[in-house]
Amino acid sequence: MRAILIVAITAISFVLSGCGGMKPYNGPEVTRILVYKEDRKMFLMHHDKVLKSYDIHLGFEPVGHKQYEGDGKTPEGSYLINRRNPNSDFYLSIGMSYPNTVDVQRARAVGKSAGGDIFIHGESPDPRYKNKKDWTWGCIAVTDKEMEEIYPMVNLGTVISVYP
């Protein structure tokens, strides 16, 4: 009897612990993410086919490659998706492998830190950023609903290429 109770409680906990009713993704693999900063667009790709596209928000100083921590720029170049955060302050987030060795050297050359913690994430809980075009510290932001869709689609190791 006790074993049945434990199994029932475990099953109920598992069902209730989902991220806001996030649906699993069973479609084609996302093989690459393409981000076009000037157009404020992000594309989830399966080889040469666009699976989904999203309007995005960038860092508060979006033009140019990120030089150092706090500059408000979103990095440009190719990185990997290297971490997932289901408990992000910005709803859900998936992290980019920024900074790479060149990014670190570039920042050190001007006596600064390259920073880190660059993510694709959902909306800010701070109402000051609601409906603002570019508001992150260098991340790529989408709506919470879109992040629920993106989060299960993108695997660790996926290449993300960010273009000017």
Protein backbone atom coordinates (compact mmCIF):
# COMPACT_ATOMS: atom_id res chain seq x y z
CA MET A 1 0.00 0.00 0.00
CA ARG A 2 2.80 2.38 0.93
CA ALA A 3 4.61 1.63 -2.37
CA ILE A 4 1.46 2.50 -4.33
CA LEU A 5 1.18 5.81 -2.47
CA ILE A 6 4.83 6.66 -3.21
CA VAL A 7 4.37 5.83 -6.91
CA ALA A 8 1.20 7.93 -7.07
CA ILE A 9 2.84 10.94 -5.39
CA THR A 10 5.88 10.63 -7.67
CA ALA A 11 3.67 10.49 -10.77
CA ILE A 12 1.64 13.53 -9.69
CA SER A 13 4.83 15.47 -8.89
CA PHE A 14 6.27 14.62 -12.30
CA VAL A 15 3.13 15.85 -14.10
CA LEU A 16 2.97 19.07 -12.08
CA SER A 17 6.68 19.88 -12.43
CA GLY A 18 6.58 20.70 -16.15
CA CYS A 19 7.73 24.18 -17.27
CA GLY A 20 4.41 25.98 -17.69
CA GLY A 21 2.88 23.18 -19.72
CA MET A 22 5.81 23.08 -22.14
CA LYS A 23 5.17 20.60 -24.91
CA PRO A 24 7.87 18.15 -25.97
CA TYR A 25 9.32 18.62 -29.45
CA ASN A 26 9.17 15.68 -31.83
CA GLY A 27 9.99 17.38 -35.15
CA PRO A 28 13.14 17.58 -37.27
CA GLU A 29 16.37 18.29 -35.41
CA VAL A 30 17.43 21.92 -35.11
CA THR A 31 20.89 21.69 -36.71
CA ARG A 32 21.75 25.41 -36.56
CA ILE A 33 20.44 28.73 -35.28
CA LEU A 34 20.89 31.80 -37.49
CA VAL A 35 20.56 35.28 -35.99
CA TYR A 36 20.49 38.45 -38.12
CA LYS A 37 20.89 41.37 -35.75
CA GLU A 38 20.05 44.19 -38.17
CA ASP A 39 16.81 42.48 -39.19
CA ARG A 40 16.03 41.45 -35.58
CA LYS A 41 15.34 37.87 -36.79
CA MET A 42 16.30 34.43 -35.55
CA PHE A 43 15.83 31.22 -37.54
CA LEU A 44 15.87 27.66 -36.25
CA MET A 45 17.18 25.55 -39.11
CA HIS A 46 17.15 21.89 -40.08
CA HIS A 47 20.07 21.91 -42.51
CA ASP A 48 18.89 24.36 -45.25
CA LYS A 49 15.22 24.39 -44.21
CA VAL A 50 13.76 27.03 -41.88
CA LEU A 51 11.77 25.28 -39.15
CA LYS A 52 10.73 28.44 -37.27
CA SER A 53 11.50 32.15 -37.35
CA TYR A 54 11.25 34.69 -34.54
CA ASP A 55 11.40 38.43 -34.07
CA ILE A 56 14.06 39.18 -31.47
CA HIS A 57 15.31 41.87 -29.11
CA LEU A 58 19.03 42.41 -28.57
CA GLY A 59 21.43 44.20 -26.26
CA PHE A 60 20.80 47.89 -25.57
CA GLU A 61 23.71 48.83 -27.92
CA PRO A 62 23.08 46.31 -30.70
CA VAL A 63 25.44 47.53 -33.45
CA GLY A 64 28.80 45.78 -33.57
CA HIS A 65 30.37 42.74 -31.92
CA LYS A 66 30.48 42.49 -28.14
CA GLN A 67 33.83 43.91 -26.98
CA TYR A 68 33.60 43.57 -23.19
CA GLU A 69 31.24 43.01 -20.28
CA GLY A 70 28.66 45.77 -19.89
CA ASP A 71 28.89 47.22 -23.41
CA GLY A 72 25.30 46.19 -24.21
CA LYS A 73 26.28 44.48 -27.46
CA THR A 74 25.18 41.05 -28.62
CA PRO A 75 28.16 38.93 -29.78
CA GLU A 76 28.65 38.22 -33.47
CA GLY A 77 30.20 35.03 -34.82
CA SER A 78 29.67 31.31 -34.36
CA TYR A 79 29.21 29.77 -30.93
CA LEU A 80 27.60 26.64 -29.48
CA ILE A 81 24.54 26.22 -27.30
CA ASN A 82 26.26 24.96 -24.17
CA ARG A 83 23.79 25.16 -21.27
CA ARG A 84 20.12 25.25 -20.35
CA ASN A 85 18.50 27.13 -17.49
CA PRO A 86 14.90 26.19 -16.69
CA ASN A 87 15.00 28.58 -13.69
CA SER A 88 16.18 31.69 -15.52
CA ASP A 89 15.22 35.16 -14.28
CA PHE A 90 14.01 35.65 -17.86
CA TYR A 91 11.61 32.71 -17.89
CA LEU A 92 13.69 30.02 -19.67
CA SER A 93 17.10 30.34 -21.26
CA ILE A 94 19.66 28.52 -23.37
CA GLY A 95 23.26 29.69 -23.18
CA MET A 96 25.84 30.47 -25.84
CA SER A 97 29.52 29.54 -25.52
CA TYR A 98 30.57 33.21 -25.51
CA PRO A 99 33.31 34.22 -24.81
CA ASN A 100 35.74 32.28 -26.94
CA THR A 101 39.53 32.72 -26.78
CA VAL A 102 39.54 35.61 -29.27
CA ASP A 103 36.75 37.39 -27.34
CA VAL A 104 38.74 37.09 -24.10
CA GLN A 105 41.94 38.39 -25.75
CA ARG A 106 40.08 41.33 -27.33
CA ALA A 107 38.61 42.41 -23.99
CA ARG A 108 41.92 41.96 -22.12
CA ALA A 109 43.66 44.15 -24.71
CA VAL A 110 41.53 47.08 -23.47
CA GLY A 111 41.85 46.09 -19.82
CA LYS A 112 38.35 44.68 -19.43
CA SER A 113 36.54 41.38 -18.90
CA ALA A 114 34.82 39.75 -21.87
CA GLY A 115 31.89 38.88 -19.62
CA GLY A 116 29.73 35.87 -20.28
CA ASP A 117 26.22 34.66 -19.56
CA ILE A 118 24.94 35.33 -23.07
CA PHE A 119 21.62 33.55 -23.57
CA ILE A 120 18.55 33.23 -25.73
CA HIS A 121 15.81 33.87 -23.21
CA GLY A 122 12.24 34.96 -22.59
CA GLU A 123 10.89 38.26 -21.35
CA SER A 124 12.05 40.30 -18.40
CA PRO A 125 9.84 40.32 -15.32
CA ASP A 126 10.69 44.05 -15.01
CA PRO A 127 7.81 46.08 -16.53
CA ARG A 128 10.25 48.84 -17.60
CA TYR A 129 11.42 46.57 -20.43
CA LYS A 130 7.94 45.69 -21.73
CA ASN A 131 7.59 46.69 -25.41
CA LYS A 132 11.17 48.01 -25.54
CA LYS A 133 13.04 47.24 -28.77
CA ASP A 134 16.54 46.37 -27.48
CA TRP A 135 16.86 46.00 -23.73
CA THR A 136 19.12 43.07 -22.81
CA TRP A 137 22.75 43.26 -21.66
CA GLY A 138 23.80 41.39 -24.80
CA CYS A 139 21.41 38.46 -24.93
CA ILE A 140 18.79 37.54 -27.52
CA ALA A 141 15.24 37.84 -26.20
CA VAL A 142 11.94 36.45 -27.46
CA THR A 143 8.50 36.23 -25.85
CA ASP A 144 7.92 33.72 -23.06
CA LYS A 145 5.54 31.78 -25.29
CA GLU A 146 8.18 31.58 -28.02
CA MET A 147 10.79 30.49 -25.47
CA GLU A 148 8.50 27.62 -24.45
CA GLU A 149 8.62 26.53 -28.09
CA ILE A 150 12.38 27.07 -28.57
CA TYR A 151 13.60 25.50 -25.31
CA PRO A 152 12.67 21.87 -26.13
CA MET A 153 13.68 22.25 -29.81
CA VAL A 154 17.32 23.24 -29.31
CA ASN A 155 19.85 20.70 -28.07
CA LEU A 156 23.18 21.28 -26.40
CA GLY A 157 25.93 21.49 -29.02
CA THR A 158 23.75 23.25 -31.61
CA VAL A 159 25.72 25.87 -33.56
CA ILE A 160 24.44 29.45 -33.32
CA SER A 161 25.73 31.96 -35.89
CA VAL A 162 25.10 35.62 -35.16
CA TYR A 163 25.47 38.06 -38.04
CA PRO A 164 25.52 41.88 -37.98
